[in-house]
N, C-alpha and C. Protein backbone atom coordinates (compact mmCIF):
# COMPACT_ATOMS: atom_id res chain seq x y z
N MET A 1 132.50 81.07 7.73
CA MET A 1 133.86 81.07 8.21
C MET A 1 134.66 82.11 7.45
N ASN A 2 135.57 82.69 8.11
CA ASN A 2 136.44 83.67 7.49
C ASN A 2 137.67 82.97 6.94
N ASP A 3 138.00 83.23 5.68
CA ASP A 3 139.13 82.56 5.05
C ASP A 3 140.47 82.97 5.62
N SER A 4 140.54 84.09 6.31
CA SER A 4 141.82 84.51 6.85
C SER A 4 142.26 83.62 8.00
N GLY A 5 141.29 82.94 8.63
CA GLY A 5 141.64 82.10 9.76
C GLY A 5 141.85 82.88 11.03
N GLN A 6 141.68 84.15 11.01
CA GLN A 6 141.91 84.97 12.18
C GLN A 6 140.61 85.62 12.63
N ALA A 7 140.40 85.66 13.92
CA ALA A 7 139.26 86.36 14.50
C ALA A 7 139.81 87.50 15.34
N PRO A 8 139.08 88.59 15.43
CA PRO A 8 139.57 89.68 16.26
C PRO A 8 139.62 89.25 17.72
N LEU A 9 140.62 89.69 18.42
CA LEU A 9 140.70 89.39 19.84
C LEU A 9 139.79 90.35 20.58
N HIS A 10 138.95 89.81 21.43
CA HIS A 10 138.02 90.62 22.20
C HIS A 10 138.64 90.92 23.55
N SER A 11 138.37 92.07 24.06
CA SER A 11 138.85 92.43 25.38
C SER A 11 138.17 91.55 26.42
N ILE A 12 138.90 91.15 27.45
CA ILE A 12 138.29 90.35 28.49
C ILE A 12 137.29 91.18 29.30
N HIS A 13 137.34 92.48 29.15
CA HIS A 13 136.42 93.35 29.87
C HIS A 13 135.19 93.69 29.04
N ALA A 14 135.22 93.44 27.75
CA ALA A 14 134.08 93.74 26.89
C ALA A 14 133.03 92.65 27.05
N PRO A 15 131.74 93.03 26.99
CA PRO A 15 130.71 92.00 27.05
C PRO A 15 130.85 91.06 25.86
N SER A 16 130.62 89.79 26.09
CA SER A 16 130.77 88.81 25.04
C SER A 16 129.41 88.35 24.54
N LEU A 17 129.30 88.21 23.23
CA LEU A 17 128.07 87.71 22.65
C LEU A 17 127.90 86.25 23.01
N ARG A 18 126.65 85.84 23.23
CA ARG A 18 126.35 84.47 23.63
C ARG A 18 125.52 83.81 22.54
N TYR A 19 125.89 82.60 22.17
CA TYR A 19 125.21 81.87 21.10
C TYR A 19 124.76 80.50 21.60
N THR A 20 123.75 79.95 20.94
CA THR A 20 123.28 78.60 21.23
C THR A 20 123.86 77.66 20.18
N VAL A 21 124.48 76.58 20.65
CA VAL A 21 125.05 75.57 19.77
C VAL A 21 124.25 74.29 19.99
N ARG A 22 123.69 73.76 18.91
CA ARG A 22 122.89 72.54 18.97
C ARG A 22 123.52 71.47 18.09
N PHE A 23 123.36 70.22 18.53
CA PHE A 23 123.78 69.10 17.71
C PHE A 23 122.57 68.60 16.92
N GLU A 24 122.83 68.07 15.74
CA GLU A 24 121.78 67.62 14.84
C GLU A 24 120.86 66.59 15.48
N ARG A 25 119.70 66.42 14.86
CA ARG A 25 118.71 65.42 15.24
C ARG A 25 118.32 65.48 16.71
N GLY A 26 118.12 66.67 17.22
CA GLY A 26 117.65 66.80 18.59
C GLY A 26 118.67 66.47 19.66
N GLY A 27 119.94 66.50 19.28
CA GLY A 27 121.00 66.25 20.26
C GLY A 27 121.08 67.37 21.28
N PRO A 28 122.01 67.27 22.19
CA PRO A 28 122.13 68.29 23.24
C PRO A 28 122.53 69.64 22.67
N SER A 29 122.29 70.66 23.48
CA SER A 29 122.71 72.01 23.10
C SER A 29 123.47 72.61 24.27
N PHE A 30 124.20 73.67 23.97
CA PHE A 30 124.95 74.38 24.99
C PHE A 30 125.14 75.82 24.56
N ALA A 31 125.48 76.67 25.51
CA ALA A 31 125.75 78.07 25.22
C ALA A 31 127.25 78.25 25.01
N ALA A 32 127.61 79.12 24.08
CA ALA A 32 129.01 79.45 23.83
C ALA A 32 129.11 80.95 23.60
N THR A 33 130.16 81.54 24.13
CA THR A 33 130.39 82.95 23.85
C THR A 33 131.35 83.07 22.68
N ALA A 34 131.43 84.25 22.13
CA ALA A 34 132.34 84.50 21.02
C ALA A 34 133.80 84.44 21.47
N ASN A 35 134.04 84.40 22.78
CA ASN A 35 135.40 84.41 23.32
C ASN A 35 135.89 83.07 23.83
N GLN A 36 135.15 81.99 23.56
CA GLN A 36 135.60 80.69 24.06
C GLN A 36 135.50 79.64 22.95
N PRO A 37 136.49 78.77 22.86
CA PRO A 37 136.40 77.71 21.86
C PRO A 37 135.17 76.83 22.11
N LEU A 38 134.60 76.33 21.04
CA LEU A 38 133.39 75.51 21.15
C LEU A 38 133.61 74.29 22.03
N LEU A 39 134.76 73.66 21.93
CA LEU A 39 135.05 72.47 22.74
C LEU A 39 134.99 72.81 24.22
N TRP A 40 135.60 73.89 24.60
CA TRP A 40 135.61 74.31 26.00
C TRP A 40 134.19 74.63 26.47
N ALA A 41 133.40 75.31 25.63
CA ALA A 41 132.03 75.65 26.00
C ALA A 41 131.20 74.39 26.20
N ALA A 42 131.37 73.39 25.34
CA ALA A 42 130.63 72.13 25.48
C ALA A 42 131.01 71.44 26.79
N GLU A 43 132.29 71.43 27.10
CA GLU A 43 132.73 70.81 28.35
C GLU A 43 132.19 71.55 29.56
N GLN A 44 132.15 72.87 29.50
CA GLN A 44 131.60 73.65 30.61
C GLN A 44 130.12 73.35 30.83
N ALA A 45 129.44 72.93 29.76
CA ALA A 45 128.02 72.58 29.85
C ALA A 45 127.82 71.13 30.29
N GLY A 46 128.91 70.41 30.59
CA GLY A 46 128.82 69.05 31.07
C GLY A 46 128.84 67.99 29.98
N LEU A 47 129.08 68.38 28.73
CA LEU A 47 129.16 67.41 27.64
C LEU A 47 130.58 66.85 27.56
N LEU A 48 130.70 65.72 26.90
CA LEU A 48 132.01 65.05 26.81
C LEU A 48 132.40 64.84 25.35
N PRO A 49 132.64 65.93 24.61
CA PRO A 49 133.05 65.75 23.21
C PRO A 49 134.45 65.15 23.14
N PRO A 50 134.73 64.41 22.08
CA PRO A 50 136.06 63.83 21.95
C PRO A 50 137.10 64.94 21.76
N SER A 51 138.26 64.76 22.35
CA SER A 51 139.33 65.76 22.17
C SER A 51 140.67 65.09 22.47
N SER A 52 141.72 65.72 22.00
CA SER A 52 143.06 65.22 22.28
C SER A 52 144.02 66.40 22.36
N CYS A 53 144.44 66.93 21.21
CA CYS A 53 145.51 67.94 21.19
C CYS A 53 145.06 69.32 21.66
N ARG A 54 143.82 69.69 21.36
CA ARG A 54 143.26 71.01 21.69
C ARG A 54 144.00 72.16 21.00
N ASN A 55 144.70 71.88 19.91
CA ASN A 55 145.36 72.97 19.19
C ASN A 55 145.13 72.90 17.68
N GLY A 56 144.16 72.10 17.23
CA GLY A 56 143.80 72.09 15.83
C GLY A 56 144.59 71.17 14.92
N THR A 57 145.29 70.19 15.48
CA THR A 57 146.09 69.33 14.61
C THR A 57 145.64 67.87 14.58
N CYS A 58 145.06 67.34 15.64
CA CYS A 58 144.81 65.89 15.70
C CYS A 58 143.51 65.46 15.02
N ARG A 59 142.55 66.35 14.85
CA ARG A 59 141.27 66.08 14.19
C ARG A 59 140.31 65.25 15.02
N THR A 60 140.62 64.98 16.27
CA THR A 60 139.75 64.16 17.11
C THR A 60 138.37 64.79 17.29
N CYS A 61 138.29 66.09 17.40
CA CYS A 61 137.03 66.79 17.67
C CYS A 61 136.30 67.22 16.40
N MET A 62 136.83 66.91 15.26
CA MET A 62 136.30 67.38 13.97
C MET A 62 134.81 67.08 13.81
N CYS A 63 134.05 68.08 13.42
CA CYS A 63 132.64 67.94 13.11
C CYS A 63 132.28 68.96 12.04
N ARG A 64 131.04 68.94 11.58
CA ARG A 64 130.65 69.82 10.48
C ARG A 64 129.58 70.81 10.93
N VAL A 65 129.69 72.04 10.46
CA VAL A 65 128.67 73.05 10.70
C VAL A 65 127.56 72.86 9.67
N LEU A 66 126.35 72.65 10.17
CA LEU A 66 125.18 72.54 9.29
C LEU A 66 124.52 73.90 9.09
N ARG A 67 124.54 74.71 10.15
CA ARG A 67 124.00 76.08 10.10
C ARG A 67 124.85 76.96 11.01
N GLY A 68 125.10 78.19 10.56
CA GLY A 68 125.82 79.15 11.38
C GLY A 68 127.25 79.37 10.91
N GLN A 69 127.96 80.17 11.68
CA GLN A 69 129.33 80.53 11.31
C GLN A 69 130.25 80.50 12.51
N VAL A 70 131.50 80.10 12.25
CA VAL A 70 132.56 80.13 13.26
C VAL A 70 133.73 80.93 12.70
N ARG A 71 134.62 81.31 13.60
CA ARG A 71 135.88 81.94 13.21
C ARG A 71 136.99 81.30 14.01
N TYR A 72 138.20 81.52 13.56
CA TYR A 72 139.38 80.98 14.22
C TYR A 72 140.30 82.14 14.59
N ARG A 73 141.04 81.97 15.68
CA ARG A 73 142.06 82.95 16.06
C ARG A 73 143.43 82.51 15.59
N ILE A 74 143.54 81.26 15.22
CA ILE A 74 144.79 80.72 14.66
C ILE A 74 144.45 79.97 13.39
N GLN A 75 145.42 79.65 12.60
CA GLN A 75 145.19 78.84 11.41
C GLN A 75 144.74 77.44 11.83
N TRP A 76 144.05 76.76 10.95
CA TRP A 76 143.52 75.43 11.25
C TRP A 76 144.33 74.38 10.49
N PRO A 77 145.48 73.99 11.01
CA PRO A 77 146.35 73.08 10.28
C PRO A 77 145.74 71.69 10.09
N GLY A 78 144.75 71.31 10.88
CA GLY A 78 144.20 69.97 10.80
C GLY A 78 143.14 69.77 9.74
N LEU A 79 142.80 70.80 8.96
CA LEU A 79 141.77 70.67 7.93
C LEU A 79 142.34 70.90 6.53
N LEU A 80 141.90 70.08 5.61
CA LEU A 80 142.24 70.29 4.20
C LEU A 80 141.34 71.38 3.64
N PRO A 81 141.76 72.10 2.61
CA PRO A 81 140.91 73.14 2.01
C PRO A 81 139.55 72.59 1.58
N GLU A 82 139.52 71.35 1.07
CA GLU A 82 138.25 70.75 0.64
C GLU A 82 137.33 70.51 1.83
N GLU A 83 137.90 70.09 2.96
CA GLU A 83 137.09 69.87 4.16
C GLU A 83 136.53 71.19 4.67
N LYS A 84 137.37 72.20 4.69
CA LYS A 84 136.92 73.52 5.13
C LYS A 84 135.77 74.01 4.25
N ALA A 85 135.87 73.81 2.95
CA ALA A 85 134.82 74.23 2.01
C ALA A 85 133.52 73.46 2.25
N GLU A 86 133.62 72.23 2.75
CA GLU A 86 132.44 71.42 3.04
C GLU A 86 131.83 71.73 4.41
N GLY A 87 132.46 72.62 5.17
CA GLY A 87 131.91 73.02 6.46
C GLY A 87 132.49 72.31 7.67
N TRP A 88 133.52 71.50 7.48
CA TRP A 88 134.16 70.83 8.61
C TRP A 88 134.91 71.85 9.46
N ILE A 89 134.85 71.66 10.78
CA ILE A 89 135.53 72.56 11.71
C ILE A 89 136.27 71.76 12.77
N LEU A 90 137.11 72.44 13.50
CA LEU A 90 137.81 71.88 14.65
C LEU A 90 137.34 72.66 15.88
N PRO A 91 136.37 72.12 16.64
CA PRO A 91 135.81 72.85 17.77
C PRO A 91 136.82 73.27 18.83
N CYS A 92 137.97 72.61 18.88
CA CYS A 92 138.97 72.98 19.89
C CYS A 92 139.54 74.37 19.64
N ILE A 93 139.46 74.84 18.39
CA ILE A 93 140.01 76.17 18.07
C ILE A 93 138.99 77.05 17.35
N ALA A 94 137.73 76.60 17.26
CA ALA A 94 136.68 77.37 16.57
C ALA A 94 135.85 78.14 17.59
N TYR A 95 135.49 79.36 17.22
CA TYR A 95 134.70 80.25 18.07
C TYR A 95 133.39 80.59 17.36
N ALA A 96 132.28 80.47 18.07
CA ALA A 96 130.97 80.77 17.49
C ALA A 96 130.87 82.24 17.11
N GLN A 97 130.28 82.49 15.96
CA GLN A 97 129.99 83.85 15.50
C GLN A 97 128.49 84.02 15.26
N SER A 98 127.73 82.96 15.53
CA SER A 98 126.27 82.96 15.41
C SER A 98 125.78 81.72 16.14
N ASP A 99 124.46 81.56 16.23
CA ASP A 99 123.93 80.28 16.70
C ASP A 99 124.39 79.22 15.70
N LEU A 100 124.59 78.00 16.19
CA LEU A 100 125.14 76.94 15.35
C LEU A 100 124.34 75.65 15.47
N GLU A 101 124.33 74.88 14.38
CA GLU A 101 123.90 73.50 14.40
C GLU A 101 125.07 72.69 13.85
N LEU A 102 125.48 71.66 14.60
CA LEU A 102 126.66 70.87 14.26
C LEU A 102 126.29 69.40 14.10
N THR A 103 127.09 68.67 13.32
CA THR A 103 126.98 67.21 13.30
C THR A 103 127.60 66.69 14.58
N TRP A 104 127.30 65.46 14.90
CA TRP A 104 127.92 64.81 16.05
C TRP A 104 129.36 64.47 15.72
N PRO A 105 130.31 64.86 16.56
CA PRO A 105 131.69 64.43 16.33
C PRO A 105 131.79 62.91 16.50
N ARG A 106 132.74 62.31 15.83
CA ARG A 106 132.98 60.87 16.05
C ARG A 106 133.29 60.65 17.52
N ASN A 107 132.82 59.54 18.04
CA ASN A 107 133.09 59.15 19.43
C ASN A 107 132.55 60.11 20.47
N PHE A 108 131.51 60.85 20.13
CA PHE A 108 130.89 61.79 21.10
C PHE A 108 130.19 60.98 22.17
N ARG A 109 130.42 61.34 23.42
CA ARG A 109 129.76 60.68 24.53
C ARG A 109 128.93 61.68 25.30
N LEU A 110 127.80 61.23 25.79
CA LEU A 110 126.99 62.04 26.69
C LEU A 110 127.33 61.63 28.12
N PRO A 111 127.26 62.59 29.06
CA PRO A 111 127.53 62.22 30.45
C PRO A 111 126.49 61.22 30.94
N ALA A 112 126.85 60.43 31.94
CA ALA A 112 125.93 59.47 32.52
C ALA A 112 124.68 60.19 33.03
N GLY A 113 123.53 59.63 32.75
CA GLY A 113 122.28 60.22 33.19
C GLY A 113 121.72 61.27 32.27
N ALA A 114 122.39 61.55 31.16
CA ALA A 114 121.89 62.57 30.22
C ALA A 114 120.92 61.97 29.23
């Protein structure tokens, strides 16, 4: 993670890098581009991660990065410095910068039939 909390804005016309995001212990995976928040990418893949504010303040989607890196385009007001140092992220405002392995967010639900 970058300590500045800022990620470069990518042109909507530039090709976007694509990463694989996996949940621990053989959980589901999904594709995410460098230009979309992880929460949105998971939802586009049919997953139902917990969410509420979608702006980095409520902590509903909070989970931890086990492997990989994310960046933010805005500051992450919902995380304490100690949590950030331990790898906790807010997927609603986090953008993949590599393939990722994440812990399961609290209250994570899988779609019916998954």
